[in-house]
Amino acid sequence: MKHLLSSLSGDLVQLEELLRQPNTNRLFIDTRLGEPADEFKDYRDGHILGAVHAQIREVFAAAPTPLSGNLPLPELETLERQLKAWGVDNSTEVILYGPSMALAARGWWVLRWAGLTNVKVIDGGLKAWINHGGPVAQGETHRTPTAASQQLKLHAGGMPQIEVNDLEELGVDTLVLDARDENSYLAGSIPRALNLPTAEQLTPAGNLRTVSEIEALYRNADVKTGQDIVVYCGGGVLSALTVLTLNALGHTPRLYVGSWSEWNKSPERMARSAAERAPA
């Protein structure tokens, strides 16, 4: 059995190394998406020592518009303001985790897209941290800006993505992966998309499967080295984890952030999706 993906990618944390090498300029972000009051209570009930709370809709997404997906990208200025308030500077090591790895991956992708490079995801989240003897806390973490954090300047474009108009013009050689569950995919999908549920990459405990198991999933989906790959899901969360594992294996996929929640807002696009499913 091969090692975990964290041994191949600096963007996936090996907890033993993380605990063995403390960093005074490290920020943990507890990343959530559910009902805000409930999620904040769960965070206060127990989180990694020093972790701040981030509701994806408030930090890693902007408010949706009538034509956008459910979780459009945040305004850079708003994201930058929040990071500065947390004391994040250009050398801060940012570690994300959440109730699911996909939530943490969404935060990872947005921060990397915004130009931060030292951003990582914990394989297995809080449960794995506790199992490795990591310290936890209750209540709320309060951080303050620093002189260095005030120099932080974000720049979009750090991660490859694709907009809906370009998605409609893709060539036949591009592999489009739908990261949703099978039922969602069967209810409607982007033309030519292949269903590869992100959940299949996780164990029942919520950890990533081994390298060989994840490689097999991608091999069965006919993913090839150097291939143009586009990944989407419902709103850019599950697909972010698929992008993370593809990156770890040496691919350079593009994320369609708007995903199905944007695609399905156009009657013309939905007609094309329906036509693909129609019997010959």
C-alpha atoms as a PDB file:
ATOM      1  CA  MET A   1       0.000   0.000   0.000  1.00  0.00           C
ATOM      2  CA  LYS A   2       1.375   3.383  -0.974  1.00  0.00           C
ATOM      3  CA  HIS A   3       1.748   6.339   1.339  1.00  0.00           C
ATOM      4  CA  LEU A   4      -0.942   8.938   1.861  1.00  0.00           C
ATOM      5  CA  LEU A   5      -1.265  11.853  -0.553  1.00  0.00           C
ATOM      6  CA  SER A   6       0.152  14.129   2.151  1.00  0.00           C
ATOM      7  CA  SER A   7       3.530  12.534   1.460  1.00  0.00           C
ATOM      8  CA  LEU A   8       3.313  13.798  -2.138  1.00  0.00           C
ATOM      9  CA  SER A   9       1.894  17.284  -1.655  1.00  0.00           C
ATOM     10  CA  GLY A  10       2.903  20.125   0.631  1.00  0.00           C
ATOM     11  CA  ASP A  11      -0.716  21.270   0.489  1.00  0.00           C
ATOM     12  CA  LEU A  12      -1.825  18.248   2.542  1.00  0.00           C
ATOM     13  CA  VAL A  13      -0.585  18.193   6.122  1.00  0.00           C
ATOM     14  CA  GLN A  14       1.191  15.272   7.714  1.00  0.00           C
ATOM     15  CA  LEU A  15       0.034  15.700  11.295  1.00  0.00           C
ATOM     16  CA  GLU A  16       3.100  14.126  12.870  1.00  0.00           C
ATOM     17  CA  GLU A  17       5.306  16.730  11.203  1.00  0.00           C
ATOM     18  CA  LEU A  18       2.884  19.544  12.034  1.00  0.00           C
ATOM     19  CA  LEU A  19       2.878  18.677  15.735  1.00  0.00           C
ATOM     20  CA  ARG A  20       6.615  18.062  15.800  1.00  0.00           C
ATOM     21  CA  GLN A  21       7.474  21.435  14.280  1.00  0.00           C
ATOM     22  CA  PRO A  22       5.609  24.301  16.006  1.00  0.00           C
ATOM     23  CA  ASN A  23       5.400  27.575  14.108  1.00  0.00           C
ATOM     24  CA  THR A  24       4.745  30.890  15.834  1.00  0.00           C
ATOM     25  CA  ASN A  25       3.410  32.283  12.550  1.00  0.00           C
ATOM     26  CA  ARG A  26       0.788  29.604  11.905  1.00  0.00           C
ATOM     27  CA  LEU A  27      -2.968  30.102  11.640  1.00  0.00           C
ATOM     28  CA  PHE A  28      -5.561  27.343  11.865  1.00  0.00           C
ATOM     29  CA  ILE A  29      -8.900  28.089  10.180  1.00  0.00           C
ATOM     30  CA  ASP A  30     -11.958  26.068  11.205  1.00  0.00           C
ATOM     31  CA  THR A  31     -13.999  26.150   7.971  1.00  0.00           C
ATOM     32  CA  ARG A  32     -17.767  25.549   7.903  1.00  0.00           C
ATOM     33  CA  LEU A  33     -20.823  25.993   5.678  1.00  0.00           C
ATOM     34  CA  GLY A  34     -23.942  24.927   7.588  1.00  0.00           C
ATOM     35  CA  GLU A  35     -26.422  27.044   9.549  1.00  0.00           C
ATOM     36  CA  PRO A  36     -24.190  29.831  10.946  1.00  0.00           C
ATOM     37  CA  ALA A  37     -25.412  29.808  14.557  1.00  0.00           C
ATOM     38  CA  ASP A  38     -25.168  26.030  14.852  1.00  0.00           C
ATOM     39  CA  GLU A  39     -21.758  25.918  13.210  1.00  0.00           C
ATOM     40  CA  PHE A  40     -20.408  28.670  15.452  1.00  0.00           C
ATOM     41  CA  LYS A  41     -21.664  26.786  18.519  1.00  0.00           C
ATOM     42  CA  ASP A  42     -19.940  23.602  17.348  1.00  0.00           C
ATOM     43  CA  TYR A  43     -16.734  25.561  16.807  1.00  0.00           C
ATOM     44  CA  ARG A  44     -16.941  27.058  20.302  1.00  0.00           C
ATOM     45  CA  ASP A  45     -17.576  23.627  21.799  1.00  0.00           C
ATOM     46  CA  GLY A  46     -14.236  22.374  20.529  1.00  0.00           C
ATOM     47  CA  HIS A  47     -11.612  23.353  17.986  1.00  0.00           C
ATOM     48  CA  ILE A  48      -7.873  23.174  17.393  1.00  0.00           C
ATOM     49  CA  LEU A  49      -6.078  25.417  19.853  1.00  0.00           C
ATOM     50  CA  GLY A  50      -5.705  28.861  18.274  1.00  0.00           C
ATOM     51  CA  ALA A  51      -8.089  28.203  15.380  1.00  0.00           C
ATOM     52  CA  VAL A  52     -10.346  30.977  14.112  1.00  0.00           C
ATOM     53  CA  HIS A  53     -13.851  30.327  12.803  1.00  0.00           C
ATOM     54  CA  ALA A  54     -14.671  30.885   9.109  1.00  0.00           C
ATOM     55  CA  GLN A  55     -18.139  30.567   7.629  1.00  0.00           C
ATOM     56  CA  ILE A  56     -17.543  29.937   3.921  1.00  0.00           C
ATOM     57  CA  ARG A  57     -20.366  32.260   2.849  1.00  0.00           C
ATOM     58  CA  GLU A  58     -18.793  35.106   4.825  1.00  0.00           C
ATOM     59  CA  VAL A  59     -15.081  34.522   4.178  1.00  0.00           C
ATOM     60  CA  PHE A  60     -14.499  32.279   1.169  1.00  0.00           C
ATOM     61  CA  ALA A  61     -17.454  33.330  -0.989  1.00  0.00           C
ATOM     62  CA  ALA A  62     -19.408  36.416  -1.964  1.00  0.00           C
ATOM     63  CA  ALA A  63     -23.175  36.776  -1.867  1.00  0.00           C
ATOM     64  CA  PRO A  64     -24.750  35.027  -4.877  1.00  0.00           C
ATOM     65  CA  THR A  65     -26.379  37.032  -7.645  1.00  0.00           C
ATOM     66  CA  PRO A  66     -29.353  36.020  -9.831  1.00  0.00           C
ATOM     67  CA  LEU A  67     -26.939  34.687 -12.465  1.00  0.00           C
ATOM     68  CA  SER A  68     -24.079  33.337 -10.341  1.00  0.00           C
ATOM     69  CA  GLY A  69     -23.571  30.041  -8.590  1.00  0.00           C
ATOM     70  CA  ASN A  70     -24.393  29.612  -4.917  1.00  0.00           C
ATOM     71  CA  LEU A  71     -20.848  30.392  -3.771  1.00  0.00           C
ATOM     72  CA  PRO A  72     -19.141  32.891  -6.099  1.00  0.00           C
ATOM     73  CA  LEU A  73     -15.599  33.961  -5.338  1.00  0.00           C
ATOM     74  CA  PRO A  74     -15.183  36.574  -2.600  1.00  0.00           C
ATOM     75  CA  GLU A  75     -14.131  40.141  -3.281  1.00  0.00           C
ATOM     76  CA  LEU A  76     -10.357  40.313  -2.852  1.00  0.00           C
ATOM     77  CA  GLU A  77     -10.596  43.429  -0.716  1.00  0.00           C
ATOM     78  CA  THR A  78     -13.026  41.750   1.696  1.00  0.00           C
ATOM     79  CA  LEU A  79     -10.900  38.610   1.960  1.00  0.00           C
ATOM     80  CA  GLU A  80      -7.750  40.649   2.426  1.00  0.00           C
ATOM     81  CA  ARG A  81      -9.367  42.672   5.213  1.00  0.00           C
ATOM     82  CA  GLN A  82     -10.334  39.502   7.082  1.00  0.00           C
ATOM     83  CA  LEU A  83      -6.904  37.939   6.730  1.00  0.00           C
ATOM     84  CA  LYS A  84      -5.224  41.089   7.981  1.00  0.00           C
ATOM     85  CA  ALA A  85      -7.577  41.118  10.986  1.00  0.00           C
ATOM     86  CA  TRP A  86      -6.388  37.579  11.750  1.00  0.00           C
ATOM     87  CA  GLY A  87      -2.766  38.703  11.577  1.00  0.00           C
ATOM     88  CA  VAL A  88      -1.972  36.862   8.342  1.00  0.00           C
ATOM     89  CA  ASP A  89       1.109  38.116   6.520  1.00  0.00           C
ATOM     90  CA  ASN A  90       2.995  36.893   3.461  1.00  0.00           C
ATOM     91  CA  SER A  91       4.899  34.260   5.449  1.00  0.00           C
ATOM     92  CA  THR A  92       2.042  32.930   7.605  1.00  0.00           C
ATOM     93  CA  GLU A  93       1.463  29.183   7.410  1.00  0.00           C
ATOM     94  CA  VAL A  94      -2.309  28.781   6.997  1.00  0.00           C
ATOM     95  CA  ILE A  95      -3.802  25.401   7.955  1.00  0.00           C
ATOM     96  CA  LEU A  96      -7.444  24.647   7.145  1.00  0.00           C
ATOM     97  CA  TYR A  97      -9.770  21.970   8.452  1.00  0.00           C
ATOM     98  CA  GLY A  98     -13.501  21.498   8.813  1.00  0.00           C
ATOM     99  CA  PRO A  99     -16.305  18.997   9.394  1.00  0.00           C
ATOM    100  CA  SER A 100     -15.381  17.635   5.960  1.00  0.00           C
ATOM    101  CA  MET A 101     -12.177  17.881   3.973  1.00  0.00           C
ATOM    102  CA  ALA A 102     -14.118  19.391   1.067  1.00  0.00           C
ATOM    103  CA  LEU A 103     -14.984  22.447   3.176  1.00  0.00           C
ATOM    104  CA  ALA A 104     -11.331  22.923   4.066  1.00  0.00           C
ATOM    105  CA  ALA A 105     -10.389  22.426   0.412  1.00  0.00           C
ATOM    106  CA  ARG A 106     -12.719  25.244  -0.632  1.00  0.00           C
ATOM    107  CA  GLY A 107     -10.904  27.588   1.729  1.00  0.00           C
ATOM    108  CA  TRP A 108      -7.542  26.261   0.510  1.00  0.00           C
ATOM    109  CA  TRP A 109      -8.461  26.857  -3.135  1.00  0.00           C
ATOM    110  CA  VAL A 110      -9.710  30.401  -2.539  1.00  0.00           C
ATOM    111  CA  LEU A 111      -6.598  31.382  -0.586  1.00  0.00           C
ATOM    112  CA  ARG A 112      -4.328  29.891  -3.223  1.00  0.00           C
ATOM    113  CA  TRP A 113      -6.361  31.624  -5.949  1.00  0.00           C
ATOM    114  CA  ALA A 114      -5.880  34.890  -4.037  1.00  0.00           C
ATOM    115  CA  GLY A 115      -2.105  34.527  -4.114  1.00  0.00           C
ATOM    116  CA  LEU A 116      -1.177  32.871  -0.805  1.00  0.00           C
ATOM    117  CA  THR A 117       1.221  29.971  -1.271  1.00  0.00           C
ATOM    118  CA  ASN A 118       1.757  28.531   2.222  1.00  0.00           C
ATOM    119  CA  VAL A 119      -1.736  27.048   2.583  1.00  0.00           C
ATOM    120  CA  LYS A 120      -2.475  23.485   3.696  1.00  0.00           C
ATOM    121  CA  VAL A 121      -5.358  21.147   4.506  1.00  0.00           C
ATOM    122  CA  ILE A 122      -5.437  18.666   7.401  1.00  0.00           C
ATOM    123  CA  ASP A 123      -6.194  15.138   6.217  1.00  0.00           C
ATOM    124  CA  GLY A 124      -9.005  13.941   8.491  1.00  0.00           C
ATOM    125  CA  GLY A 125      -9.701  17.282  10.143  1.00  0.00           C
ATOM    126  CA  LEU A 126     -10.293  17.792  13.846  1.00  0.00           C
ATOM    127  CA  LYS A 127     -10.796  14.083  14.575  1.00  0.00           C
ATOM    128  CA  ALA A 128      -7.402  13.218  13.123  1.00  0.00           C
ATOM    129  CA  TRP A 129      -5.825  16.112  15.038  1.00  0.00           C
ATOM    130  CA  ILE A 130      -7.244  14.833  18.332  1.00  0.00           C
ATOM    131  CA  ASN A 131      -6.210  11.257  17.536  1.00  0.00           C
ATOM    132  CA  HIS A 132      -2.644  12.487  17.068  1.00  0.00           C
ATOM    133  CA  GLY A 133      -2.683  14.224  20.444  1.00  0.00           C
ATOM    134  CA  GLY A 134      -3.087  17.758  19.131  1.00  0.00           C
ATOM    135  CA  PRO A 135      -4.229  20.391  21.657  1.00  0.00           C
ATOM    136  CA  VAL A 136      -7.834  21.626  21.493  1.00  0.00           C
ATOM    137  CA  ALA A 137      -9.737  24.505  23.069  1.00  0.00           C
ATOM    138  CA  GLN A 138     -13.230  25.813  23.668  1.00  0.00           C
ATOM    139  CA  GLY A 139     -14.635  29.315  23.274  1.00  0.00           C
ATOM    140  CA  GLU A 140     -13.545  31.729  20.575  1.00  0.00           C
ATOM    141  CA  THR A 141     -10.058  32.621  19.391  1.00  0.00           C
ATOM    142  CA  HIS A 142      -9.327  36.337  19.084  1.00  0.00           C
ATOM    143  CA  ARG A 143      -6.382  37.435  16.989  1.00  0.00           C
ATOM    144  CA  THR A 144      -5.065  40.892  16.303  1.00  0.00           C
ATOM    145  CA  PRO A 145      -3.479  42.506  13.227  1.00  0.00           C
ATOM    146  CA  THR A 146       0.278  42.874  13.120  1.00  0.00           C
ATOM    147  CA  ALA A 147       2.554  45.330  11.388  1.00  0.00           C
ATOM    148  CA  ALA A 148       3.535  42.561   8.940  1.00  0.00           C
ATOM    149  CA  SER A 149      -0.084  41.634   8.202  1.00  0.00           C
ATOM    150  CA  GLN A 150      -0.833  45.176   7.115  1.00  0.00           C
ATOM    151  CA  GLN A 151       1.575  44.632   4.220  1.00  0.00           C
ATOM    152  CA  LEU A 152      -0.458  41.693   2.883  1.00  0.00           C
ATOM    153  CA  LYS A 153      -1.697  42.227  -0.667  1.00  0.00           C
ATOM    154  CA  LEU A 154      -3.797  39.628  -2.450  1.00  0.00           C
ATOM    155  CA  HIS A 155      -3.764  39.066  -6.206  1.00  0.00           C
ATOM    156  CA  ALA A 156      -6.284  36.934  -8.090  1.00  0.00           C
ATOM    157  CA  GLY A 157      -5.143  34.246 -10.493  1.00  0.00           C
ATOM    158  CA  GLY A 158      -3.090  31.965  -8.266  1.00  0.00           C
ATOM    159  CA  MET A 159      -5.142  28.909  -9.257  1.00  0.00           C
ATOM    160  CA  PRO A 160      -6.482  27.960 -12.703  1.00  0.00           C
ATOM    161  CA  GLN A 161     -10.237  28.305 -13.131  1.00  0.00           C
ATOM    162  CA  ILE A 162     -12.761  28.503 -15.931  1.00  0.00           C
ATOM    163  CA  GLU A 163     -15.798  30.723 -16.439  1.00  0.00           C
ATOM    164  CA  VAL A 164     -19.123  29.484 -17.730  1.00  0.00           C
ATOM    165  CA  ASN A 165     -18.757  31.086 -21.166  1.00  0.00           C
ATOM    166  CA  ASP A 166     -15.421  29.345 -21.733  1.00  0.00           C
ATOM    167  CA  LEU A 167     -16.857  26.097 -20.424  1.00  0.00           C
ATOM    168  CA  GLU A 168     -19.371  26.111 -23.252  1.00  0.00           C
ATOM    169  CA  GLU A 169     -16.542  26.307 -25.817  1.00  0.00           C
ATOM    170  CA  LEU A 170     -14.417  23.398 -24.594  1.00  0.00           C
ATOM    171  CA  GLY A 171     -12.898  21.031 -27.106  1.00  0.00           C
ATOM    172  CA  VAL A 172     -13.578  17.321 -27.137  1.00  0.00           C
ATOM    173  CA  ASP A 173     -10.162  16.553 -25.631  1.00  0.00           C
ATOM    174  CA  THR A 174     -11.015  18.274 -22.344  1.00  0.00           C
ATOM    175  CA  LEU A 175     -12.109  15.931 -19.561  1.00  0.00           C
ATOM    176  CA  VAL A 176     -14.994  17.377 -17.508  1.00  0.00           C
ATOM    177  CA  LEU A 177     -15.405  15.790 -14.073  1.00  0.00           C
ATOM    178  CA  ASP A 178     -18.610  16.114 -12.037  1.00  0.00           C
ATOM    179  CA  ALA A 179     -17.657  15.689  -8.378  1.00  0.00           C
ATOM    180  CA  ARG A 180     -21.224  15.387  -7.026  1.00  0.00           C
ATOM    181  CA  ASP A 181     -22.912  12.186  -5.877  1.00  0.00           C
ATOM    182  CA  GLU A 182     -24.432   9.932  -8.518  1.00  0.00           C
ATOM    183  CA  ASN A 183     -28.061  10.926  -7.843  1.00  0.00           C
ATOM    184  CA  SER A 184     -27.288  14.620  -8.332  1.00  0.00           C
ATOM    185  CA  TYR A 185     -25.380  13.842 -11.508  1.00  0.00           C
ATOM    186  CA  LEU A 186     -28.219  11.739 -12.928  1.00  0.00           C
ATOM    187  CA  ALA A 187     -30.706  14.527 -12.204  1.00  0.00           C
ATOM    188  CA  GLY A 188     -28.764  16.821 -14.560  1.00  0.00           C
ATOM    189  CA  SER A 189     -25.195  17.520 -15.569  1.00  0.00           C
ATOM    190  CA  ILE A 190     -23.011  19.627 -17.820  1.00  0.00           C
ATOM    191  CA  PRO A 191     -22.733  18.078 -21.311  1.00  0.00           C
ATOM    192  CA  ARG A 192     -19.977  15.452 -21.669  1.00  0.00           C
ATOM    193  CA  ALA A 193     -19.283  15.430 -17.925  1.00  0.00           C
ATOM    194  CA  LEU A 194     -18.130  12.203 -16.307  1.00  0.00           C
ATOM    195  CA  ASN A 195     -19.337  11.519 -12.785  1.00  0.00           C
ATOM    196  CA  LEU A 196     -16.545  10.920 -10.260  1.00  0.00           C
ATOM    197  CA  PRO A 197     -17.950  11.588  -6.770  1.00  0.00           C
ATOM    198  CA  THR A 198     -15.439  13.209  -4.443  1.00  0.00           C
ATOM    199  CA  ALA A 199     -16.831  11.116  -1.597  1.00  0.00           C
ATOM    200  CA  GLU A 200     -15.273   8.013  -3.174  1.00  0.00           C
ATOM    201  CA  GLN A 201     -11.837   9.431  -2.324  1.00  0.00           C
ATOM    202  CA  LEU A 202     -12.582   9.378   1.407  1.00  0.00           C
ATOM    203  CA  THR A 203     -12.641   6.573   3.941  1.00  0.00           C
ATOM    204  CA  PRO A 204     -15.678   6.148   6.249  1.00  0.00           C
ATOM    205  CA  ALA A 205     -13.647   7.989   8.904  1.00  0.00           C
ATOM    206  CA  GLY A 206     -13.292  11.026   6.637  1.00  0.00           C
ATOM    207  CA  ASN A 207      -9.618  10.594   5.771  1.00  0.00           C
ATOM    208  CA  LEU A 208      -8.274  10.470   2.251  1.00  0.00           C
ATOM    209  CA  ARG A 209      -7.745   7.022   0.822  1.00  0.00           C
ATOM    210  CA  THR A 210      -4.247   5.908  -0.126  1.00  0.00           C
ATOM    211  CA  VAL A 211      -2.410   7.175  -3.180  1.00  0.00           C
ATOM    212  CA  SER A 212      -2.903   3.893  -5.014  1.00  0.00           C
ATOM    213  CA  GLU A 213      -6.657   3.897  -4.352  1.00  0.00           C
ATOM    214  CA  ILE A 214      -7.115   7.488  -5.515  1.00  0.00           C
ATOM    215  CA  GLU A 215      -4.889   6.886  -8.527  1.00  0.00           C
ATOM    216  CA  ALA A 216      -7.123   3.953  -9.440  1.00  0.00           C
ATOM    217  CA  LEU A 217     -10.223   6.163  -9.281  1.00  0.00           C
ATOM    218  CA  TYR A 218      -8.677   8.655 -11.671  1.00  0.00           C
ATOM    219  CA  ARG A 219      -7.290   5.936 -13.909  1.00  0.00           C
ATOM    220  CA  ASN A 220     -10.769   4.425 -14.226  1.00  0.00           C
ATOM    221  CA  ALA A 221     -12.023   7.904 -15.185  1.00  0.00           C
ATOM    222  CA  ASP A 222      -9.405   7.920 -17.962  1.00  0.00           C
ATOM    223  CA  VAL A 223      -7.460  10.838 -16.447  1.00  0.00           C
ATOM    224  CA  LYS A 224      -4.171  11.183 -18.321  1.00  0.00           C
ATOM    225  CA  THR A 225      -0.973  13.097 -17.597  1.00  0.00           C
ATOM    226  CA  GLY A 226      -0.990  16.542 -19.202  1.00  0.00           C
ATOM    227  CA  GLN A 227      -4.685  16.370 -20.017  1.00  0.00           C
ATOM    228  CA  ASP A 228      -6.907  19.459 -19.827  1.00  0.00           C
ATOM    229  CA  ILE A 229      -9.239  18.755 -16.896  1.00  0.00           C
ATOM    230  CA  VAL A 230     -12.196  20.793 -15.649  1.00  0.00           C
ATOM    231  CA  VAL A 231     -13.854  19.971 -12.327  1.00  0.00           C
ATOM    232  CA  TYR A 232     -17.216  21.134 -11.009  1.00  0.00           C
ATOM    233  CA  CYS A 233     -19.802  20.132  -8.413  1.00  0.00           C
ATOM    234  CA  GLY A 234     -22.849  21.881  -6.979  1.00  0.00           C
ATOM    235  CA  GLY A 235     -21.237  25.086  -5.755  1.00  0.00           C
ATOM    236  CA  GLY A 236     -17.448  24.743  -5.809  1.00  0.00           C
ATOM    237  CA  VAL A 237     -16.850  22.800  -2.576  1.00  0.00           C
ATOM    238  CA  LEU A 238     -16.626  19.083  -3.391  1.00  0.00           C
ATOM    239  CA  SER A 239     -14.819  19.957  -6.613  1.00  0.00           C
ATOM    240  CA  ALA A 240     -12.172  21.875  -4.647  1.00  0.00           C
ATOM    241  CA  LEU A 241     -11.153  18.653  -2.904  1.00  0.00           C
ATOM    242  CA  THR A 242     -10.955  16.857  -6.241  1.00  0.00           C
ATOM    243  CA  VAL A 243      -8.690  19.668  -7.485  1.00  0.00           C
ATOM    244  CA  LEU A 244      -6.544  19.246  -4.362  1.00  0.00           C
ATOM    245  CA  THR A 245      -6.007  15.527  -4.929  1.00  0.00           C
ATOM    246  CA  LEU A 246      -5.456  15.959  -8.668  1.00  0.00           C
ATOM    247  CA  ASN A 247      -2.814  18.586  -7.903  1.00  0.00           C
ATOM    248  CA  ALA A 248      -1.149  16.212  -5.449  1.00  0.00           C
ATOM    249  CA  LEU A 249      -0.865  13.646  -8.254  1.00  0.00           C
ATOM    250  CA  GLY A 250       0.737  16.118 -10.654  1.00  0.00           C
ATOM    251  CA  HIS A 251      -2.265  17.319 -12.669  1.00  0.00           C
ATOM    252  CA  THR A 252      -3.304  20.947 -13.222  1.00  0.00           C
ATOM    253  CA  PRO A 253      -7.113  20.967 -13.295  1.00  0.00           C
ATOM    254  CA  ARG A 254      -9.280  24.033 -13.726  1.00  0.00           C
ATOM    255  CA  LEU A 255     -12.065  24.615 -11.216  1.00  0.00           C
ATOM    256  CA  TYR A 256     -15.449  25.801 -12.428  1.00  0.00           C
ATOM    257  CA  VAL A 257     -16.358  27.766  -9.318  1.00  0.00           C
ATOM    258  CA  GLY A 258     -19.957  28.508 -10.355  1.00  0.00           C
ATOM    259  CA  SER A 259     -20.551  24.803 -10.917  1.00  0.00           C
ATOM    260  CA  TRP A 260     -24.011  23.316 -11.465  1.00  0.00           C
ATOM    261  CA  SER A 261     -25.678  26.018  -9.343  1.00  0.00           C
ATOM    262  CA  GLU A 262     -24.611  28.575 -11.974  1.00  0.00           C
ATOM    263  CA  TRP A 263     -25.001  26.380 -15.045  1.00  0.00           C
ATOM    264  CA  ASN A 264     -28.645  25.551 -14.263  1.00  0.00           C
ATOM    265  CA  LYS A 265     -29.704  29.207 -14.152  1.00  0.00           C
ATOM    266  CA  SER A 266     -29.686  29.430 -17.929  1.00  0.00           C
ATOM    267  CA  PRO A 267     -32.597  27.837 -19.850  1.00  0.00           C
ATOM    268  CA  GLU A 268     -30.378  27.562 -22.927  1.00  0.00           C
ATOM    269  CA  ARG A 269     -27.654  25.702 -21.050  1.00  0.00           C
ATOM    270  CA  MET A 270     -30.205  23.437 -19.391  1.00  0.00           C
ATOM    271  CA  ALA A 271     -31.672  22.646 -22.804  1.00  0.00           C
ATOM    272  CA  ARG A 272     -28.241  21.471 -23.960  1.00  0.00           C
ATOM    273  CA  SER A 273     -27.889  19.317 -20.864  1.00  0.00           C
ATOM    274  CA  ALA A 274     -31.312  17.788 -21.446  1.00  0.00           C
ATOM    275  CA  ALA A 275     -30.595  17.165 -25.120  1.00  0.00           C
ATOM    276  CA  GLU A 276     -27.509  15.138 -24.227  1.00  0.00           C
ATOM    277  CA  ARG A 277     -29.598  12.872 -21.984  1.00  0.00           C
ATOM    278  CA  ALA A 278     -32.413  12.442 -24.510  1.00  0.00           C
ATOM    279  CA  PRO A 279     -32.737   8.957 -26.078  1.00  0.00           C
ATOM    280  CA  ALA A 280     -31.294   8.699 -29.588  1.00  0.00           C
END
